[in-house]
Amino acid sequence: MKPPGAYKISARARSFEATLHPAARSQRRVRRILDSLRTEIVEGGELRIRRVLADPREIFRVELEVPALGYQRVTLLDRESLERLLDADEVLERVRRSSL
């Protein structure tokens, strides 16, 4: 006799990412987030980057606001992720323009 609540969930088809190691899934997720941020920054809006933590790990707050759409996005990034985001020339130019 089966115990109550036993469901055949394991028989369903799983996504490819579910079979990957958690570190690999994390890297893919960070890449998708950075790509999305890069696209939104290049499209325009008000951009602010501030350091919110210095110890034990540097954490930066990236704020993107598009008043015309009533949209605001806040993302926390570590130093390595922020540097990867700023590698794109278009993003770096927008950061320089917004800091003036």
PDB file of N, CA and C in Angstrom:
ATOM      1  N   MET A   1       0.836  -1.175   0.000  1.00  0.00           N
ATOM      2  CA  MET A   1       0.000   0.000   0.000  1.00  0.00           C
ATOM      3  C   MET A   1       0.889   1.250   0.000  1.00  0.00           C
ATOM      4  N   LYS A   2       0.502   2.233  -0.815  1.00  0.00           N
ATOM      5  CA  LYS A   2       1.248   3.494  -0.905  1.00  0.00           C
ATOM      6  C   LYS A   2       0.890   4.400   0.262  1.00  0.00           C
ATOM      7  N   PRO A   3       1.876   5.108   0.763  1.00  0.00           N
ATOM      8  CA  PRO A   3       1.548   6.087   1.802  1.00  0.00           C
ATOM      9  C   PRO A   3       0.762   7.248   1.195  1.00  0.00           C
ATOM     10  N   PRO A   4      -0.102   7.879   1.978  1.00  0.00           N
ATOM     11  CA  PRO A   4      -0.881   9.001   1.429  1.00  0.00           C
ATOM     12  C   PRO A   4       0.037  10.149   1.024  1.00  0.00           C
ATOM     13  N   GLY A   5      -0.334  10.791  -0.078  1.00  0.00           N
ATOM     14  CA  GLY A   5       0.444  11.929  -0.554  1.00  0.00           C
ATOM     15  C   GLY A   5       1.589  11.554  -1.468  1.00  0.00           C
ATOM     16  N   ALA A   6       1.694  10.291  -1.876  1.00  0.00           N
ATOM     17  CA  ALA A   6       2.767   9.889  -2.790  1.00  0.00           C
ATOM     18  C   ALA A   6       2.306  10.173  -4.216  1.00  0.00           C
ATOM     19  N   TYR A   7       3.028  11.046  -4.897  1.00  0.00           N
ATOM     20  CA  TYR A   7       2.667  11.422  -6.257  1.00  0.00           C
ATOM     21  C   TYR A   7       3.791  11.048  -7.201  1.00  0.00           C
ATOM     22  N   LYS A   8       3.457  10.850  -8.445  1.00  0.00           N
ATOM     23  CA  LYS A   8       4.458  10.461  -9.441  1.00  0.00           C
ATOM     24  C   LYS A   8       5.081  11.699 -10.072  1.00  0.00           C
ATOM     25  N   ILE A   9       5.667  12.535  -9.272  1.00  0.00           N
ATOM     26  CA  ILE A   9       6.274  13.752  -9.788  1.00  0.00           C
ATOM     27  C   ILE A   9       7.566  13.431 -10.528  1.00  0.00           C
ATOM     28  N   SER A  10       8.277  12.417 -10.101  1.00  0.00           N
ATOM     29  CA  SER A  10       9.571  12.110 -10.708  1.00  0.00           C
ATOM     30  C   SER A  10       9.442  11.626 -12.148  1.00  0.00           C
ATOM     31  N   ALA A  11       8.247  11.254 -12.582  1.00  0.00           N
ATOM     32  CA  ALA A  11       8.065  10.750 -13.936  1.00  0.00           C
ATOM     33  C   ALA A  11       7.919  11.868 -14.967  1.00  0.00           C
ATOM     34  N   ARG A  12       7.754  13.105 -14.520  1.00  0.00           N
ATOM     35  CA  ARG A  12       7.553  14.200 -15.469  1.00  0.00           C
ATOM     36  C   ARG A  12       8.865  14.580 -16.154  1.00  0.00           C
ATOM     37  N   ALA A  13       8.744  15.202 -17.285  1.00  0.00           N
ATOM     38  CA  ALA A  13       9.925  15.665 -18.014  1.00  0.00           C
ATOM     39  C   ALA A  13      10.502  16.882 -17.296  1.00  0.00           C
ATOM     40  N   ARG A  14      11.801  16.893 -17.130  1.00  0.00           N
ATOM     41  CA  ARG A  14      12.463  18.001 -16.438  1.00  0.00           C
ATOM     42  C   ARG A  14      13.220  18.850 -17.449  1.00  0.00           C
ATOM     43  N   SER A  15      13.410  20.104 -17.090  1.00  0.00           N
ATOM     44  CA  SER A  15      14.159  20.989 -17.970  1.00  0.00           C
ATOM     45  C   SER A  15      15.631  20.612 -17.941  1.00  0.00           C
ATOM     46  N   PHE A  16      16.351  21.053 -18.950  1.00  0.00           N
ATOM     47  CA  PHE A  16      17.777  20.752 -19.039  1.00  0.00           C
ATOM     48  C   PHE A  16      18.535  21.336 -17.859  1.00  0.00           C
ATOM     49  N   GLU A  17      18.158  22.541 -17.438  1.00  0.00           N
ATOM     50  CA  GLU A  17      18.869  23.202 -16.340  1.00  0.00           C
ATOM     51  C   GLU A  17      18.727  22.462 -15.026  1.00  0.00           C
ATOM     52  N   ALA A  18      17.658  21.722 -14.840  1.00  0.00           N
ATOM     53  CA  ALA A  18      17.469  20.998 -13.584  1.00  0.00           C
ATOM     54  C   ALA A  18      18.511  19.901 -13.400  1.00  0.00           C
ATOM     55  N   THR A  19      19.099  19.436 -14.495  1.00  0.00           N
ATOM     56  CA  THR A  19      20.099  18.373 -14.399  1.00  0.00           C
ATOM     57  C   THR A  19      21.503  18.915 -14.176  1.00  0.00           C
ATOM     58  N   LEU A  20      21.687  20.216 -14.314  1.00  0.00           N
ATOM     59  CA  LEU A  20      23.011  20.811 -14.155  1.00  0.00           C
ATOM     60  C   LEU A  20      23.379  20.972 -12.686  1.00  0.00           C
ATOM     61  N   HIS A  21      24.663  21.071 -12.440  1.00  0.00           N
ATOM     62  CA  HIS A  21      25.168  21.342 -11.096  1.00  0.00           C
ATOM     63  C   HIS A  21      24.690  22.732 -10.672  1.00  0.00           C
ATOM     64  N   PRO A  22      24.374  22.924  -9.390  1.00  0.00           N
ATOM     65  CA  PRO A  22      23.879  24.237  -8.945  1.00  0.00           C
ATOM     66  C   PRO A  22      24.795  25.406  -9.294  1.00  0.00           C
ATOM     67  N   ALA A  23      26.101  25.201  -9.282  1.00  0.00           N
ATOM     68  CA  ALA A  23      27.020  26.297  -9.638  1.00  0.00           C
ATOM     69  C   ALA A  23      26.854  26.695 -11.099  1.00  0.00           C
ATOM     70  N   ALA A  24      26.651  25.713 -11.974  1.00  0.00           N
ATOM     71  CA  ALA A  24      26.450  26.008 -13.394  1.00  0.00           C
ATOM     72  C   ALA A  24      25.124  26.732 -13.609  1.00  0.00           C
ATOM     73  N   ARG A  25      24.086  26.309 -12.888  1.00  0.00           N
ATOM     74  CA  ARG A  25      22.793  26.998 -12.997  1.00  0.00           C
ATOM     75  C   ARG A  25      22.925  28.435 -12.523  1.00  0.00           C
ATOM     76  N   SER A  26      23.680  28.641 -11.472  1.00  0.00           N
ATOM     77  CA  SER A  26      23.880  29.982 -10.936  1.00  0.00           C
ATOM     78  C   SER A  26      24.576  30.882 -11.954  1.00  0.00           C
ATOM     79  N   GLN A  27      25.597  30.369 -12.612  1.00  0.00           N
ATOM     80  CA  GLN A  27      26.321  31.158 -13.611  1.00  0.00           C
ATOM     81  C   GLN A  27      25.406  31.548 -14.766  1.00  0.00           C
ATOM     82  N   ARG A  28      24.580  30.618 -15.218  1.00  0.00           N
ATOM     83  CA  ARG A  28      23.648  30.923 -16.311  1.00  0.00           C
ATOM     84  C   ARG A  28      22.640  31.980 -15.875  1.00  0.00           C
ATOM     85  N   ARG A  29      22.179  31.879 -14.641  1.00  0.00           N
ATOM     86  CA  ARG A  29      21.206  32.844 -14.130  1.00  0.00           C
ATOM     87  C   ARG A  29      21.823  34.236 -14.049  1.00  0.00           C
ATOM     88  N   VAL A  30      23.049  34.327 -13.555  1.00  0.00           N
ATOM     89  CA  VAL A  30      23.738  35.620 -13.469  1.00  0.00           C
ATOM     90  C   VAL A  30      23.917  36.204 -14.862  1.00  0.00           C
ATOM     91  N   ARG A  31      24.281  35.368 -15.832  1.00  0.00           N
ATOM     92  CA  ARG A  31      24.461  35.843 -17.206  1.00  0.00           C
ATOM     93  C   ARG A  31      23.151  36.401 -17.761  1.00  0.00           C
ATOM     94  N   ARG A  32      22.028  35.708 -17.513  1.00  0.00           N
ATOM     95  CA  ARG A  32      20.730  36.197 -17.990  1.00  0.00           C
ATOM     96  C   ARG A  32      20.359  37.525 -17.328  1.00  0.00           C
ATOM     97  N   ILE A  33      20.617  37.641 -16.033  1.00  0.00           N
ATOM     98  CA  ILE A  33      20.311  38.887 -15.320  1.00  0.00           C
ATOM     99  C   ILE A  33      21.146  40.034 -15.870  1.00  0.00           C
ATOM    100  N   LEU A  34      22.441  39.790 -16.082  1.00  0.00           N
ATOM    101  CA  LEU A  34      23.313  40.841 -16.613  1.00  0.00           C
ATOM    102  C   LEU A  34      22.909  41.238 -18.029  1.00  0.00           C
ATOM    103  N   ASP A  35      22.532  40.270 -18.857  1.00  0.00           N
ATOM    104  CA  ASP A  35      22.072  40.588 -20.215  1.00  0.00           C
ATOM    105  C   ASP A  35      20.814  41.453 -20.169  1.00  0.00           C
ATOM    106  N   SER A  36      19.891  41.109 -19.288  1.00  0.00           N
ATOM    107  CA  SER A  36      18.661  41.877 -19.149  1.00  0.00           C
ATOM    108  C   SER A  36      18.953  43.300 -18.664  1.00  0.00           C
ATOM    109  N   LEU A  37      19.809  43.417 -17.661  1.00  0.00           N
ATOM    110  CA  LEU A  37      20.195  44.744 -17.162  1.00  0.00           C
ATOM    111  C   LEU A  37      20.873  45.566 -18.245  1.00  0.00           C
ATOM    112  N   ARG A  38      21.782  44.952 -18.976  1.00  0.00           N
ATOM    113  CA  ARG A  38      22.517  45.643 -20.042  1.00  0.00           C
ATOM    114  C   ARG A  38      21.537  46.204 -21.067  1.00  0.00           C
ATOM    115  N   THR A  39      20.567  45.404 -21.464  1.00  0.00           N
ATOM    116  CA  THR A  39      19.576  45.840 -22.450  1.00  0.00           C
ATOM    117  C   THR A  39      18.767  47.024 -21.925  1.00  0.00           C
ATOM    118  N   GLU A  40      18.310  46.942 -20.687  1.00  0.00           N
ATOM    119  CA  GLU A  40      17.492  48.016 -20.124  1.00  0.00           C
ATOM    120  C   GLU A  40      18.293  49.295 -19.913  1.00  0.00           C
ATOM    121  N   ILE A  41      19.559  49.174 -19.553  1.00  0.00           N
ATOM    122  CA  ILE A  41      20.398  50.357 -19.350  1.00  0.00           C
ATOM    123  C   ILE A  41      20.626  51.079 -20.668  1.00  0.00           C
ATOM    124  N   VAL A  42      20.886  50.332 -21.726  1.00  0.00           N
ATOM    125  CA  VAL A  42      21.143  50.934 -23.037  1.00  0.00           C
ATOM    126  C   VAL A  42      19.884  51.615 -23.572  1.00  0.00           C
ATOM    127  N   GLU A  43      18.706  51.050 -23.278  1.00  0.00           N
ATOM    128  CA  GLU A  43      17.453  51.626 -23.771  1.00  0.00           C
ATOM    129  C   GLU A  43      17.151  52.987 -23.153  1.00  0.00           C
ATOM    130  N   GLY A  44      17.698  53.273 -21.993  1.00  0.00           N
ATOM    131  CA  GLY A  44      17.507  54.597 -21.404  1.00  0.00           C
ATOM    132  C   GLY A  44      16.924  54.540 -20.017  1.00  0.00           C
ATOM    133  N   GLY A  45      16.733  55.720 -19.457  1.00  0.00           N
ATOM    134  CA  GLY A  45      16.228  55.827 -18.095  1.00  0.00           C
ATOM    135  C   GLY A  45      17.288  56.410 -17.183  1.00  0.00           C
ATOM    136  N   GLU A  46      16.913  56.614 -15.947  1.00  0.00           N
ATOM    137  CA  GLU A  46      17.829  57.171 -14.958  1.00  0.00           C
ATOM    138  C   GLU A  46      18.551  56.021 -14.263  1.00  0.00           C
ATOM    139  N   LEU A  47      19.873  56.128 -14.174  1.00  0.00           N
ATOM    140  CA  LEU A  47      20.692  55.044 -13.641  1.00  0.00           C
ATOM    141  C   LEU A  47      21.510  55.536 -12.456  1.00  0.00           C
ATOM    142  N   ARG A  48      21.503  54.757 -11.379  1.00  0.00           N
ATOM    143  CA  ARG A  48      22.326  55.041 -10.199  1.00  0.00           C
ATOM    144  C   ARG A  48      22.988  53.744  -9.751  1.00  0.00           C
ATOM    145  N   ILE A  49      24.279  53.838  -9.422  1.00  0.00           N
ATOM    146  CA  ILE A  49      25.012  52.695  -8.887  1.00  0.00           C
ATOM    147  C   ILE A  49      25.657  53.145  -7.586  1.00  0.00           C
ATOM    148  N   ARG A  50      25.368  52.415  -6.509  1.00  0.00           N
ATOM    149  CA  ARG A  50      25.924  52.763  -5.199  1.00  0.00           C
ATOM    150  C   ARG A  50      26.465  51.515  -4.518  1.00  0.00           C
ATOM    151  N   ARG A  51      27.526  51.694  -3.756  1.00  0.00           N
ATOM    152  CA  ARG A  51      28.052  50.582  -2.960  1.00  0.00           C
ATOM    153  C   ARG A  51      27.292  50.565  -1.640  1.00  0.00           C
ATOM    154  N   VAL A  52      26.707  49.414  -1.309  1.00  0.00           N
ATOM    155  CA  VAL A  52      25.922  49.319  -0.081  1.00  0.00           C
ATOM    156  C   VAL A  52      26.635  48.514   1.005  1.00  0.00           C
ATOM    157  N   LEU A  53      27.523  47.610   0.628  1.00  0.00           N
ATOM    158  CA  LEU A  53      28.311  46.840   1.589  1.00  0.00           C
ATOM    159  C   LEU A  53      29.755  46.783   1.133  1.00  0.00           C
ATOM    160  N   ALA A  54      30.661  46.860   2.081  1.00  0.00           N
ATOM    161  CA  ALA A  54      32.080  46.758   1.747  1.00  0.00           C
ATOM    162  C   ALA A  54      32.709  45.507   2.342  1.00  0.00           C
ATOM    163  N   ASP A  55      32.147  45.020   3.435  1.00  0.00           N
ATOM    164  CA  ASP A  55      32.749  43.897   4.133  1.00  0.00           C
ATOM    165  C   ASP A  55      31.673  42.907   4.522  1.00  0.00           C
ATOM    166  N   PRO A  56      31.802  41.668   4.381  1.00  0.00           N
ATOM    167  CA  PRO A  56      32.926  40.853   3.945  1.00  0.00           C
ATOM    168  C   PRO A  56      33.054  40.776   2.422  1.00  0.00           C
ATOM    169  N   ARG A  57      32.030  41.261   1.719  1.00  0.00           N
ATOM    170  CA  ARG A  57      32.048  41.221   0.259  1.00  0.00           C
ATOM    171  C   ARG A  57      31.424  42.510  -0.248  1.00  0.00           C
ATOM    172  N   GLU A  58      32.026  43.105  -1.276  1.00  0.00           N
ATOM    173  CA  GLU A  58      31.473  44.345  -1.825  1.00  0.00           C
ATOM    174  C   GLU A  58      30.180  44.048  -2.578  1.00  0.00           C
ATOM    175  N   ILE A  59      29.141  44.767  -2.213  1.00  0.00           N
ATOM    176  CA  ILE A  59      27.843  44.627  -2.865  1.00  0.00           C
ATOM    177  C   ILE A  59      27.427  46.005  -3.367  1.00  0.00           C
ATOM    178  N   PHE A  60      26.956  46.046  -4.616  1.00  0.00           N
ATOM    179  CA  PHE A  60      26.530  47.294  -5.242  1.00  0.00           C
ATOM    180  C   PHE A  60      25.045  47.221  -5.563  1.00  0.00           C
ATOM    181  N   ARG A  61      24.385  48.364  -5.410  1.00  0.00           N
ATOM    182  CA  ARG A  61      22.962  48.480  -5.727  1.00  0.00           C
ATOM    183  C   ARG A  61      22.848  49.226  -7.050  1.00  0.00           C
ATOM    184  N   VAL A  62      22.261  48.581  -8.043  1.00  0.00           N
ATOM    185  CA  VAL A  62      22.053  49.182  -9.360  1.00  0.00           C
ATOM    186  C   VAL A  62      20.573  49.533  -9.455  1.00  0.00           C
ATOM    187  N   GLU A  63      20.286  50.828  -9.569  1.00  0.00           N
ATOM    188  CA  GLU A  63      18.909  51.315  -9.652  1.00  0.00           C
ATOM    189  C   GLU A  63      18.674  51.870 -11.046  1.00  0.00           C
ATOM    190  N   LEU A  64      17.646  51.378 -11.698  1.00  0.00           N
ATOM    191  CA  LEU A  64      17.276  51.844 -13.029  1.00  0.00           C
ATOM    192  C   LEU A  64      15.828  52.295 -12.966  1.00  0.00           C
ATOM    193  N   GLU A  65      15.590  53.531 -13.379  1.00  0.00           N
ATOM    194  CA  GLU A  65      14.242  54.084 -13.319  1.00  0.00           C
ATOM    195  C   GLU A  65      13.858  54.656 -14.677  1.00  0.00           C
ATOM    196  N   VAL A  66      12.669  54.282 -15.144  1.00  0.00           N
ATOM    197  CA  VAL A  66      12.118  54.813 -16.391  1.00  0.00           C
ATOM    198  C   VAL A  66      10.797  55.496 -16.023  1.00  0.00           C
ATOM    199  N   PRO A  67      10.837  56.823 -15.758  1.00  0.00           N
ATOM    200  CA  PRO A  67       9.631  57.526 -15.301  1.00  0.00           C
ATOM    201  C   PRO A  67       8.480  57.483 -16.304  1.00  0.00           C
ATOM    202  N   ALA A  68       8.785  57.493 -17.591  1.00  0.00           N
ATOM    203  CA  ALA A  68       7.726  57.486 -18.603  1.00  0.00           C
ATOM    204  C   ALA A  68       6.866  56.228 -18.499  1.00  0.00           C
ATOM    205  N   LEU A  69       7.466  55.138 -18.069  1.00  0.00           N
ATOM    206  CA  LEU A  69       6.730  53.881 -17.943  1.00  0.00           C
ATOM    207  C   LEU A  69       6.334  53.580 -16.502  1.00  0.00           C
ATOM    208  N   GLY A  70       6.762  54.422 -15.563  1.00  0.00           N
ATOM    209  CA  GLY A  70       6.498  54.152 -14.154  1.00  0.00           C
ATOM    210  C   GLY A  70       7.195  52.883 -13.694  1.00  0.00           C
ATOM    211  N   TYR A  71       8.412  52.690 -14.168  1.00  0.00           N
ATOM    212  CA  TYR A  71       9.145  51.443 -13.951  1.00  0.00           C
ATOM    213  C   TYR A  71      10.402  51.709 -13.142  1.00  0.00           C
ATOM    214  N   GLN A  72      10.650  50.874 -12.157  1.00  0.00           N
ATOM    215  CA  GLN A  72      11.879  50.968 -11.377  1.00  0.00           C
ATOM    216  C   GLN A  72      12.396  49.555 -11.131  1.00  0.00           C
ATOM    217  N   ARG A  73      13.699  49.380 -11.331  1.00  0.00           N
ATOM    218  CA  ARG A  73      14.334  48.080 -11.118  1.00  0.00           C
ATOM    219  C   ARG A  73      15.535  48.287 -10.209  1.00  0.00           C
ATOM    220  N   VAL A  74      15.624  47.477  -9.184  1.00  0.00           N
ATOM    221  CA  VAL A  74      16.747  47.518  -8.248  1.00  0.00           C
ATOM    222  C   VAL A  74      17.370  46.131  -8.226  1.00  0.00           C
ATOM    223  N   THR A  75      18.671  46.078  -8.465  1.00  0.00           N
ATOM    224  CA  THR A  75      19.394  44.810  -8.493  1.00  0.00           C
ATOM    225  C   THR A  75      20.655  44.937  -7.654  1.00  0.00           C
ATOM    226  N   LEU A  76      20.935  43.923  -6.851  1.00  0.00           N
ATOM    227  CA  LEU A  76      22.160  43.884  -6.060  1.00  0.00           C
ATOM    228  C   LEU A  76      23.177  43.002  -6.768  1.00  0.00           C
ATOM    229  N   LEU A  77      24.390  43.527  -6.944  1.00  0.00           N
ATOM    230  CA  LEU A  77      25.452  42.797  -7.640  1.00  0.00           C
ATOM    231  C   LEU A  77      26.735  42.835  -6.824  1.00  0.00           C
ATOM    232  N   ASP A  78      27.532  41.782  -6.956  1.00  0.00           N
ATOM    233  CA  ASP A  78      28.862  41.820  -6.352  1.00  0.00           C
ATOM    234  C   ASP A  78      29.814  42.522  -7.317  1.00  0.00           C
ATOM    235  N   ARG A  79      31.040  42.761  -6.872  1.00  0.00           N
ATOM    236  CA  ARG A  79      32.003  43.522  -7.684  1.00  0.00           C
ATOM    237  C   ARG A  79      32.261  42.840  -9.028  1.00  0.00           C
ATOM    238  N   GLU A  80      32.432  41.528  -9.028  1.00  0.00           N
ATOM    239  CA  GLU A  80      32.732  40.805 -10.270  1.00  0.00           C
ATOM    240  C   GLU A  80      31.599  40.954 -11.284  1.00  0.00           C
ATOM    241  N   SER A  81      30.366  40.822 -10.823  1.00  0.00           N
ATOM    242  CA  SER A  81      29.217  40.960 -11.724  1.00  0.00           C
ATOM    243  C   SER A  81      29.087  42.386 -12.241  1.00  0.00           C
ATOM    244  N   LEU A  82      29.334  43.366 -11.381  1.00  0.00           N
ATOM    245  CA  LEU A  82      29.278  44.763 -11.816  1.00  0.00           C
ATOM    246  C   LEU A  82      30.334  45.044 -12.876  1.00  0.00           C
ATOM    247  N   GLU A  83      31.526  44.515 -12.688  1.00  0.00           N
ATOM    248  CA  GLU A  83      32.586  44.715 -13.684  1.00  0.00           C
ATOM    249  C   GLU A  83      32.218  44.064 -15.011  1.00  0.00           C
ATOM    250  N   ARG A  84      31.583  42.888 -14.960  1.00  0.00           N
ATOM    251  CA  ARG A  84      31.142  42.251 -16.207  1.00  0.00           C
ATOM    252  C   ARG A  84      30.058  43.076 -16.886  1.00  0.00           C
ATOM    253  N   LEU A  85      29.182  43.695 -16.089  1.00  0.00           N
ATOM    254  CA  LEU A  85      28.142  44.557 -16.653  1.00  0.00           C
ATOM    255  C   LEU A  85      28.759  45.776 -17.323  1.00  0.00           C
ATOM    256  N   LEU A  86      29.787  46.347 -16.707  1.00  0.00           N
ATOM    257  CA  LEU A  86      30.422  47.556 -17.237  1.00  0.00           C
ATOM    258  C   LEU A  86      31.405  47.271 -18.365  1.00  0.00           C
ATOM    259  N   ASP A  87      31.635  46.002 -18.699  1.00  0.00           N
ATOM    260  CA  ASP A  87      32.516  45.658 -19.819  1.00  0.00           C
ATOM    261  C   ASP A  87      31.960  46.149 -21.154  1.00  0.00           C
ATOM    262  N   ALA A  88      30.640  46.224 -21.258  1.00  0.00           N
ATOM    263  CA  ALA A  88      30.016  46.692 -22.498  1.00  0.00           C
ATOM    264  C   ALA A  88      30.209  48.202 -22.616  1.00  0.00           C
ATOM    265  N   ASP A  89      30.697  48.645 -23.764  1.00  0.00           N
ATOM    266  CA  ASP A  89      30.982  50.069 -23.979  1.00  0.00           C
ATOM    267  C   ASP A  89      29.735  50.938 -23.843  1.00  0.00           C
ATOM    268  N   GLU A  90      28.581  50.435 -24.337  1.00  0.00           N
ATOM    269  CA  GLU A  90      27.350  51.224 -24.279  1.00  0.00           C
ATOM    270  C   GLU A  90      26.939  51.473 -22.829  1.00  0.00           C
ATOM    271  N   VAL A  91      27.086  50.450 -21.996  1.00  0.00           N
ATOM    272  CA  VAL A  91      26.711  50.580 -20.586  1.00  0.00           C
ATOM    273  C   VAL A  91      27.654  51.548 -19.884  1.00  0.00           C
ATOM    274  N   LEU A  92      28.935  51.419 -20.149  1.00  0.00           N
ATOM    275  CA  LEU A  92      29.923  52.302 -19.530  1.00  0.00           C
ATOM    276  C   LEU A  92      29.660  53.761 -19.908  1.00  0.00           C
ATOM    277  N   GLU A  93      29.289  53.998 -21.162  1.00  0.00           N
ATOM    278  CA  GLU A  93      28.966  55.356 -21.617  1.00  0.00           C
ATOM    279  C   GLU A  93      27.740  55.899 -20.874  1.00  0.00           C
ATOM    280  N   ARG A  94      26.708  55.062 -20.699  1.00  0.00           N
ATOM    281  CA  ARG A  94      25.496  55.488 -19.977  1.00  0.00           C
ATOM    282  C   ARG A  94      25.810  55.799 -18.520  1.00  0.00           C
ATOM    283  N   VAL A  95      26.696  55.020 -17.907  1.00  0.00           N
ATOM    284  CA  VAL A  95      27.074  55.269 -16.512  1.00  0.00           C
ATOM    285  C   VAL A  95      27.804  56.595 -16.409  1.00  0.00           C
ATOM    286  N   ARG A  96      28.687  56.858 -17.346  1.00  0.00           N
ATOM    287  CA  ARG A  96      29.422  58.131 -17.335  1.00  0.00           C
ATOM    288  C   ARG A  96      28.479  59.310 -17.530  1.00  0.00           C
ATOM    289  N   ARG A  97      27.513  59.173 -18.452  1.00  0.00           N
ATOM    290  CA  ARG A  97      26.556  60.260 -18.692  1.00  0.00           C
ATOM    291  C   ARG A  97      25.665  60.494 -17.480  1.00  0.00           C
ATOM    292  N   SER A  98      25.259  59.424 -16.812  1.00  0.00           N
ATOM    293  CA  SER A  98      24.349  59.574 -15.671  1.00  0.00           C
ATOM    294  C   SER A  98      25.051  60.120 -14.436  1.00  0.00           C
ATOM    295  N   SER A  99      26.380  60.008 -14.388  1.00  0.00           N
ATOM    296  CA  SER A  99      27.101  60.506 -13.216  1.00  0.00           C
ATOM    297  C   SER A  99      27.408  62.000 -13.314  1.00  0.00           C
ATOM    298  N   LEU A 100      27.133  62.614 -14.454  1.00  0.00           N
ATOM    299  CA  LEU A 100      27.386  64.058 -14.616  1.00  0.00           C
ATOM    300  C   LEU A 100      26.309  64.888 -13.972  1.00  0.00           C
TER     301      LEU A 100
END
